[in-house]
Protein backbone atom coordinates (compact mmCIF):
# COMPACT_ATOMS: atom_id res chain seq x y z
CA MET A 1 87.48 57.18 -160.32
CA ASN A 2 87.43 58.54 -163.88
CA LYS A 3 84.49 61.02 -164.34
CA LEU A 4 81.45 59.70 -166.32
CA SER A 5 81.03 60.60 -170.12
CA VAL A 6 77.59 59.16 -170.34
CA SER A 7 74.17 60.43 -168.30
CA PRO A 8 71.08 60.55 -169.53
CA ASN A 9 68.89 63.81 -169.13
CA SER A 10 67.98 63.46 -165.61
CA TYR A 11 64.82 65.33 -166.67
CA SER A 12 63.78 63.45 -169.53
CA SER A 13 64.41 60.40 -167.79
CA PHE A 14 61.99 61.40 -164.43
CA TRP A 15 59.04 61.69 -167.31
CA VAL A 16 59.57 58.38 -169.31
CA LYS A 17 59.97 56.55 -165.98
CA ASN A 18 56.98 58.32 -164.62
CA MET A 19 54.98 57.82 -167.98
CA PHE A 20 55.85 53.80 -167.77
CA VAL A 21 54.55 53.24 -163.99
CA ALA A 22 51.55 54.86 -164.58
CA ALA A 23 50.73 52.91 -167.42
CA SER A 24 51.34 50.27 -165.64
CA ILE A 25 49.26 50.83 -162.51
CA LEU A 26 46.33 51.76 -165.42
CA TYR A 27 46.49 48.58 -166.54
CA GLY A 28 47.43 46.43 -164.22
CA THR A 29 50.60 45.00 -165.16
CA LEU A 30 52.57 46.15 -162.14
CA PRO A 31 53.05 43.41 -159.53
CA VAL A 32 53.72 43.97 -155.85
CA GLY A 33 57.40 43.21 -155.05
CA GLY A 34 58.50 43.52 -158.26
CA ILE A 35 58.89 45.31 -161.63
CA SER A 36 56.57 44.78 -164.87
CA PRO A 37 57.80 44.38 -168.33
CA LEU A 38 57.16 47.58 -168.96
CA GLN A 39 59.45 48.88 -166.14
CA ALA A 40 61.62 46.57 -167.42
CA GLN A 41 61.81 48.11 -171.13
CA VAL A 42 62.10 51.37 -169.02
CA GLN A 43 65.46 50.19 -167.52
CA THR A 44 66.89 48.52 -170.73
CA PHE A 45 66.28 52.33 -172.12
CA GLU A 46 68.14 54.07 -169.09
CA SER A 47 71.10 51.50 -169.19
CA TYR A 48 71.72 51.26 -173.05
CA PRO A 49 73.82 54.50 -173.21
CA TYR A 50 76.17 53.34 -170.40
CA LEU A 51 76.36 49.61 -171.45
CA GLN A 52 77.18 51.22 -175.48
CA LYS A 53 79.96 53.64 -173.95
CA ALA A 54 81.37 50.19 -172.12
CA TYR A 55 81.64 48.33 -175.06
CA LYS A 56 83.43 51.01 -176.60
CA GLU A 57 86.01 51.48 -174.09
CA GLU A 58 86.38 48.00 -173.74
CA LYS A 59 87.80 47.35 -177.30
CA LYS A 60 89.85 50.28 -176.24
CA LYS A 61 91.10 48.59 -173.28
CA ASN A 62 90.40 51.28 -171.53
CA TRP A 63 89.37 49.01 -168.21
CA PRO A 64 88.89 51.95 -165.46
CA GLU A 65 86.51 53.59 -167.85
CA VAL A 66 84.63 50.47 -168.14
CA GLN A 67 84.47 49.92 -164.36
CA ALA A 68 83.51 53.40 -163.45
CA LEU A 69 80.47 53.12 -166.03
CA MET A 70 79.46 49.77 -164.55
CA GLU A 71 79.80 50.28 -161.20
CA HIS A 72 77.63 53.67 -161.64
CA LEU A 73 74.99 51.66 -163.81
CA LEU A 74 74.92 49.07 -161.00
CA SER A 75 74.03 51.63 -158.38
CA ARG A 76 70.88 52.50 -160.24
CA GLU A 77 70.17 48.50 -161.45
CA ALA A 78 71.66 46.60 -158.89
CA ASP A 79 70.10 43.53 -160.73
CA ASN A 80 72.05 44.33 -164.34
CA LYS A 81 73.60 40.95 -165.44
CA THR A 82 75.39 42.73 -168.27
CA ALA A 83 76.31 45.22 -166.15
CA LYS A 84 78.10 42.66 -163.77
CA THR A 85 79.80 41.09 -166.47
CA LEU A 86 81.53 43.83 -168.04
CA LEU A 87 82.50 44.57 -164.63
CA ILE A 88 84.00 41.38 -163.93
CA ARG A 89 85.72 42.04 -167.25
CA ALA A 90 87.27 45.32 -165.90
CA PHE A 91 88.45 44.08 -163.04
CA LEU A 92 90.52 41.10 -164.35
CA GLY A 93 91.72 43.26 -167.15
CA GLN A 94 93.32 45.34 -164.01
CA ASN A 95 94.29 42.06 -162.40
CA LYS A 96 91.52 43.01 -159.60
CA TYR A 97 91.12 39.20 -158.72
CA LYS A 98 89.81 39.47 -155.72
CA GLU A 99 87.27 42.08 -156.78
CA ALA A 100 86.45 39.84 -160.14
CA GLU A 101 86.14 36.59 -157.58
CA ALA A 102 83.96 38.49 -155.56
CA MET A 103 81.36 39.89 -158.22
CA ALA A 104 81.25 36.73 -160.40
CA GLU A 105 80.02 34.76 -157.46
CA LYS A 106 77.24 37.08 -157.49
CA VAL A 107 76.28 35.58 -160.93
CA SER A 108 77.28 32.03 -160.34
CA SER A 109 73.79 30.99 -160.06
CA ASP A 110 73.49 29.95 -163.58
CA PRO A 111 76.10 27.53 -165.55
CA GLU A 112 78.04 30.28 -167.78
CA GLY A 113 78.29 32.35 -164.34
CA SER A 114 79.21 29.22 -162.34
CA GLN A 115 82.19 28.43 -164.83
CA GLN A 116 83.12 31.97 -164.82
CA LEU A 117 83.60 31.60 -160.94
CA GLN A 118 85.51 28.67 -161.44
CA ASN A 119 87.96 29.65 -164.32
CA ILE A 120 88.95 33.20 -162.37
CA ARG A 121 89.61 31.05 -159.25
CA THR A 122 91.82 28.69 -160.70
CA THR A 123 93.73 31.64 -162.26
CA MET A 124 93.91 32.88 -159.07
CA LEU A 125 95.12 29.70 -157.52
CA SER A 126 97.83 29.34 -160.75
CA LYS A 127 99.24 33.20 -159.72
CA GLY A 128 99.55 32.04 -155.80
CA LEU A 129 97.35 34.77 -154.85
CA VAL A 130 94.90 32.44 -152.56
CA GLN A 131 95.82 31.42 -148.87
CA GLU A 132 95.07 28.17 -147.58
CA ASN A 133 92.14 28.83 -145.77
CA VAL A 134 90.39 30.67 -148.91
CA LEU A 135 91.02 27.99 -150.75
CA SER A 136 89.64 25.43 -148.00
CA SER A 137 86.44 27.73 -148.27
CA TRP A 138 86.17 27.03 -151.56
CA LEU A 139 86.62 23.66 -151.81
CA LYS A 140 84.07 23.00 -149.53
CA LYS A 141 81.53 24.71 -151.45
CA SER A 142 82.80 23.03 -154.97
CA LYS A 143 81.28 20.19 -156.77
CA ASP A 144 83.68 17.36 -157.40
CA ASN A 145 84.92 18.20 -160.75
CA ASP A 146 85.20 22.10 -159.96
CA LYS A 147 87.44 20.66 -156.68
CA THR A 148 89.95 18.35 -158.69
CA GLN A 149 90.57 21.34 -160.61
CA LEU A 150 91.15 23.93 -157.79
CA ILE A 151 93.44 21.24 -155.85
CA ASN A 152 95.14 20.82 -159.35
CA ALA A 153 95.97 24.16 -160.22
CA HIS A 154 97.03 24.31 -156.53
CA VAL A 155 99.34 21.85 -156.48
CA ASN A 156 100.98 22.82 -159.99
CA ARG A 157 101.80 26.00 -158.77
CA LEU A 158 103.27 24.64 -155.41
CA ALA A 159 105.43 22.19 -158.33
CA SER A 160 106.73 25.43 -160.48
CA THR A 161 107.40 27.93 -157.61
CA GLN A 162 108.64 25.25 -155.13
CA ASN A 163 109.30 21.40 -156.12
CA PRO A 164 107.03 18.43 -157.06
CA ASP A 165 108.00 17.19 -153.40
CA VAL A 166 106.47 20.01 -151.48
CA ALA A 167 103.27 19.74 -154.02
CA LEU A 168 103.59 15.66 -153.31
CA ASN A 169 103.60 16.10 -149.56
CA TRP A 170 100.33 18.70 -149.56
CA LEU A 171 98.51 16.37 -151.81
CA GLU A 172 99.06 13.34 -149.65
CA LYS A 173 98.37 14.92 -146.56
CA ASN A 174 95.22 16.71 -147.42
CA TYR A 175 93.77 14.31 -150.06
CA SER A 176 95.48 10.82 -150.29
CA GLN A 177 92.09 8.96 -149.57
CA ASN A 178 90.37 10.66 -152.99
CA ASP A 179 89.66 8.25 -155.31
CA SER A 180 89.38 10.69 -158.32
CA ARG A 181 90.55 9.88 -161.25
CA ALA A 182 92.13 12.93 -162.08
CA LEU A 183 93.78 13.41 -158.49
CA ARG A 184 95.16 9.52 -158.92
CA LYS A 185 97.06 10.83 -162.23
CA THR A 186 97.78 13.76 -160.51
CA ARG A 187 99.55 12.25 -157.72
CA SER A 188 101.41 9.85 -160.07
CA VAL A 189 102.50 12.61 -162.30
CA LEU A 190 104.58 14.29 -159.04
CA ALA A 191 105.53 10.78 -157.69
CA GLU A 192 107.22 9.98 -160.92
CA LYS A 193 108.90 13.49 -160.69
CA CYS A 194 109.96 12.90 -157.22
CA ASN A 195 111.30 9.17 -158.18
CA LYS A 196 108.60 7.81 -155.80
CA ASN A 197 107.75 4.59 -157.32
CA ASP A 198 104.72 3.02 -154.81
CA VAL A 199 103.24 5.78 -154.82
CA VAL A 200 102.59 5.90 -158.80
CA ILE A 201 101.60 2.09 -158.34
CA ASP A 202 99.48 3.13 -155.41
CA ALA A 203 98.01 5.81 -157.49
CA LEU A 204 97.37 4.21 -160.53
CA SER A 205 97.19 0.33 -160.48
CA PRO A 206 93.27 0.48 -159.33
CA LEU A 207 92.29 2.04 -162.10
CA LEU A 208 94.22 -0.35 -164.87
CA ALA A 209 91.39 -3.07 -164.66
CA SER A 210 88.60 -0.98 -165.32
CA HIS A 211 90.46 0.37 -168.74
CA GLN A 212 90.56 4.23 -167.03
CA LEU A 213 94.49 4.75 -167.91
CA GLY A 214 95.67 6.33 -170.79
CA ARG A 215 98.63 5.91 -172.80
CA ASP A 216 100.99 8.17 -171.00
CA ASP A 217 99.23 6.47 -167.57
CA LEU A 218 100.18 3.15 -168.68
CA ARG A 219 103.92 4.20 -169.49
CA ARG A 220 104.18 5.83 -165.98
CA LEU A 221 103.06 2.62 -163.99
CA GLY A 222 105.38 0.75 -166.50
CA MET A 223 108.21 2.37 -165.74
CA ALA A 224 107.51 2.03 -161.84
CA TYR A 225 107.25 -1.41 -162.18
CA VAL A 226 110.67 -1.30 -164.00
CA ASN A 227 112.23 0.72 -161.58
CA ASN A 228 111.11 -1.71 -158.79
CA LEU A 229 112.04 -5.25 -161.19
CA ASP A 230 109.00 -6.31 -160.74
CA PRO A 231 108.55 -8.25 -164.13
CA VAL A 232 105.06 -10.39 -162.78
CA ALA A 233 103.47 -6.73 -162.60
CA ILE A 234 105.16 -5.87 -166.19
CA ASP A 235 103.82 -9.05 -167.68
CA ASN A 236 100.30 -8.09 -166.79
CA LEU A 237 100.38 -5.31 -167.55
CA LEU A 238 101.36 -5.60 -170.90
CA PRO A 239 98.17 -6.69 -172.34
CA PHE A 240 96.60 -3.27 -171.80
CA VAL A 241 98.84 -1.52 -173.60
CA SER A 242 97.83 -1.33 -177.43
CA ARG A 243 101.09 0.00 -179.11
CA PRO A 244 103.44 -2.72 -179.92
CA GLU A 245 105.92 0.09 -179.50
CA ASP A 246 104.86 0.75 -175.98
CA LYS A 247 105.22 -2.71 -175.32
CA LYS A 248 108.43 -3.20 -176.41
CA LEU A 249 109.84 0.05 -174.87
CA LEU A 250 108.40 -1.62 -171.25
CA ALA A 251 110.11 -4.66 -171.93
CA THR A 252 113.42 -3.81 -172.95
CA ALA A 253 113.82 -1.26 -170.32
CA PHE A 254 113.04 -4.07 -167.75
CA VAL A 255 115.66 -5.98 -169.45
CA PHE A 256 118.44 -3.14 -169.71
CA LYS A 257 117.63 -2.11 -165.46
CA ALA A 258 118.07 -5.90 -164.97
CA ILE A 259 121.39 -5.80 -166.34
CA ALA A 260 122.29 -2.54 -164.96
CA GLN A 261 121.74 -4.00 -161.53
CA LYS A 262 123.90 -7.05 -162.23
CA LYS A 263 120.84 -9.16 -162.32
CA GLY A 264 122.04 -11.30 -165.54
CA ASN A 265 119.90 -14.03 -164.89
CA LEU A 266 116.58 -12.51 -164.61
CA ALA A 267 117.20 -10.13 -167.57
CA GLU A 268 118.24 -13.17 -169.89
CA THR A 269 114.76 -15.19 -168.15
CA TRP A 270 112.63 -12.19 -169.27
CA LEU A 271 114.33 -11.33 -172.58
CA LYS A 272 113.74 -14.95 -173.48
CA HIS A 273 109.93 -14.64 -172.11
CA TRP A 274 109.13 -11.47 -174.10
CA GLU A 275 110.91 -12.33 -177.57
CA ASN A 276 108.06 -11.99 -179.46
CA ILE A 277 107.26 -8.69 -178.00
CA ILE A 278 111.02 -7.49 -177.95
CA GLY A 279 111.71 -8.77 -181.50
CA HIS A 280 114.78 -11.04 -182.88
CA SER A 281 117.30 -8.47 -184.23
CA SER A 282 120.99 -8.87 -184.19
CA ASP A 283 121.43 -6.47 -181.69
CA ILE A 284 118.69 -8.50 -179.32
CA GLN A 285 120.23 -11.68 -180.17
CA GLU A 286 123.64 -10.15 -179.28
CA MET A 287 122.06 -9.20 -175.31
CA GLN A 288 120.69 -12.53 -175.69
CA TRP A 289 124.57 -14.42 -176.23
CA ASN A 290 126.05 -11.67 -174.04
CA LEU A 291 123.82 -12.39 -171.03
CA ALA A 292 124.04 -16.52 -171.93
CA VAL A 293 127.59 -15.93 -171.32
CA ALA A 294 127.82 -14.10 -168.17
CA ASN A 295 125.35 -16.59 -166.82
CA ASN A 296 126.92 -19.77 -168.22
CA ASN A 297 124.39 -20.70 -170.13
CA VAL A 298 125.72 -23.31 -172.54
CA PRO A 299 122.32 -24.39 -174.08
CA GLU A 300 121.76 -20.89 -175.09
CA ILE A 301 125.40 -20.03 -176.23
CA ILE A 302 125.33 -22.81 -178.65
CA HIS A 303 121.75 -22.16 -179.97
CA LEU A 304 122.81 -18.55 -180.79
CA SER A 305 125.84 -19.20 -181.82
CA GLY A 306 124.20 -20.35 -185.76
CA PRO A 307 121.50 -17.26 -185.77
CA LEU A 308 124.75 -14.82 -185.03
CA ARG A 309 127.35 -16.86 -187.54
CA LYS A 310 129.68 -16.80 -184.81
CA PRO A 311 133.08 -17.70 -185.68
CA CYS A 312 133.83 -21.43 -184.72
CA LEU A 313 136.77 -20.95 -183.03
CA ASP A 314 135.30 -18.01 -180.45
CA THR A 315 132.20 -20.43 -179.96
CA VAL A 316 134.67 -23.08 -178.91
CA GLU A 317 136.61 -21.04 -176.39
CA VAL A 318 133.50 -19.70 -174.79
CA LEU A 319 132.29 -23.12 -174.32
CA ALA A 320 135.24 -24.39 -173.25
CA ASP A 321 135.93 -21.90 -170.47
CA ARG A 322 133.02 -22.93 -169.40
CA ASP A 323 131.13 -26.69 -168.85
CA ALA A 324 132.49 -28.43 -171.80
CA ASP A 325 131.20 -31.64 -170.64
CA ALA A 326 127.52 -30.65 -170.59
CA ALA A 327 128.13 -29.06 -173.88
CA ILE A 328 129.26 -32.13 -175.77
CA LEU A 329 126.33 -34.29 -174.20
CA GLU A 330 123.94 -31.49 -175.00
CA ASN A 331 125.35 -31.17 -178.57
CA ASN A 332 127.63 -33.91 -179.53
CA GLN A 333 125.06 -34.78 -182.84
CA ARG A 334 125.67 -31.64 -184.39
CA LEU A 335 129.16 -30.58 -183.39
CA GLY A 336 130.50 -34.17 -184.07
CA SER A 337 133.69 -35.02 -183.24
CA ILE A 338 135.69 -31.60 -184.11
CA LEU A 339 134.36 -30.18 -180.81
CA LEU A 340 134.78 -33.08 -178.98
CA ASN A 341 138.45 -33.02 -179.18
CA ALA A 342 138.42 -29.21 -179.16
CA CYS A 343 137.01 -29.57 -175.86
CA LYS A 344 139.36 -32.24 -174.74
CA ILE A 345 142.42 -30.59 -175.82
CA ARG A 346 141.70 -27.17 -174.63
CA SER A 347 145.45 -26.17 -174.56
CA ARG A 348 145.47 -27.14 -178.24
CA TRP A 349 142.57 -25.47 -179.51
CA LYS A 350 143.83 -22.63 -181.84
CA THR A 351 145.40 -25.16 -183.71
CA ILE A 352 142.32 -27.12 -184.93
CA PRO A 353 141.01 -25.91 -188.14
CA CYS A 354 137.27 -24.87 -188.67
CA LEU A 355 135.78 -27.66 -190.38
CA HIS A 356 132.15 -27.55 -191.71
CA HIS A 357 129.96 -30.47 -190.33
CA GLY A 358 126.67 -30.21 -192.41
CA LYS A 359 123.31 -28.45 -192.66
CA ASN A 360 123.36 -29.24 -188.68
CA ASN A 361 126.32 -27.60 -187.69
CA VAL A 362 125.87 -24.69 -185.69
CA VAL A 363 129.72 -23.68 -185.31
CA SER A 364 129.36 -21.48 -187.91
CA LEU A 365 132.54 -20.96 -190.25
């Protein structure tokens, strides 16, 4: 420990102190078991040189000197809150987190001290300096918000130093029944990283009806439904999504997921259902055409051939290879005799010229 460079004159200090004590007794201001205002002034007078020196050393980041000064001052004035605060800073400046936490706990009775203690503990957790049993004791004494913050700090440390699965397992084991909004969101973030869609849904879906989910939460929940190929759940979620681009993202993500899973009928059905959300761009219509072709949806093929300006020979070829009779029955008035003859003589369709058939002709030239 550094040798203290500031020390009041002991002789002067003795007479000053006793002078104030005598005055307190004379005027009856010395309470039993306590100190009078005059004595408080004496303490302020005596502590000033140490505090002044400590502040100067703090600016230099000379933390050992600050620690030495404040420990000496506290040995004389055990209740000096300013000295305790400076000592905590000195401990933190030297990465002495356990000592800082112990001292901070002594001054945690007021809101400022309580917040300082909480900040030190979360820092210790983020650095992996806390054993499980110590964390448990902290959690038992903490209020709900502080408890959630400590838990988050611990699981974030587990996720970064080990992996999200370890963090999620710890959280599920110890706090799976906790209804805290913050902890539910923490579970959902970890579960998304672990590709555990059911856990994401279990964590976030109870918060949906009460509008407690933010934009990222809604996206996370929606993508869990997408991965589970649950279009009904997505459809129920979309009214809670405020931004049109976010709605479109979820709807198109489902369609692409269904196509990737070779569920073309499902993709086509919900692409049609969400067409006001997804839009009517040429790319979307081309996707609808390809799905209709893959699913042998003759009416949809005929319906889309016009907006997409499909060449008549391409459309006739697609229809001729499918249910040509149904196509003729459904579209006879629009296609007329040209499409009828083309379907009947499939082997000669390439020789059929593309003729215009008025305004209602859906086979483009």
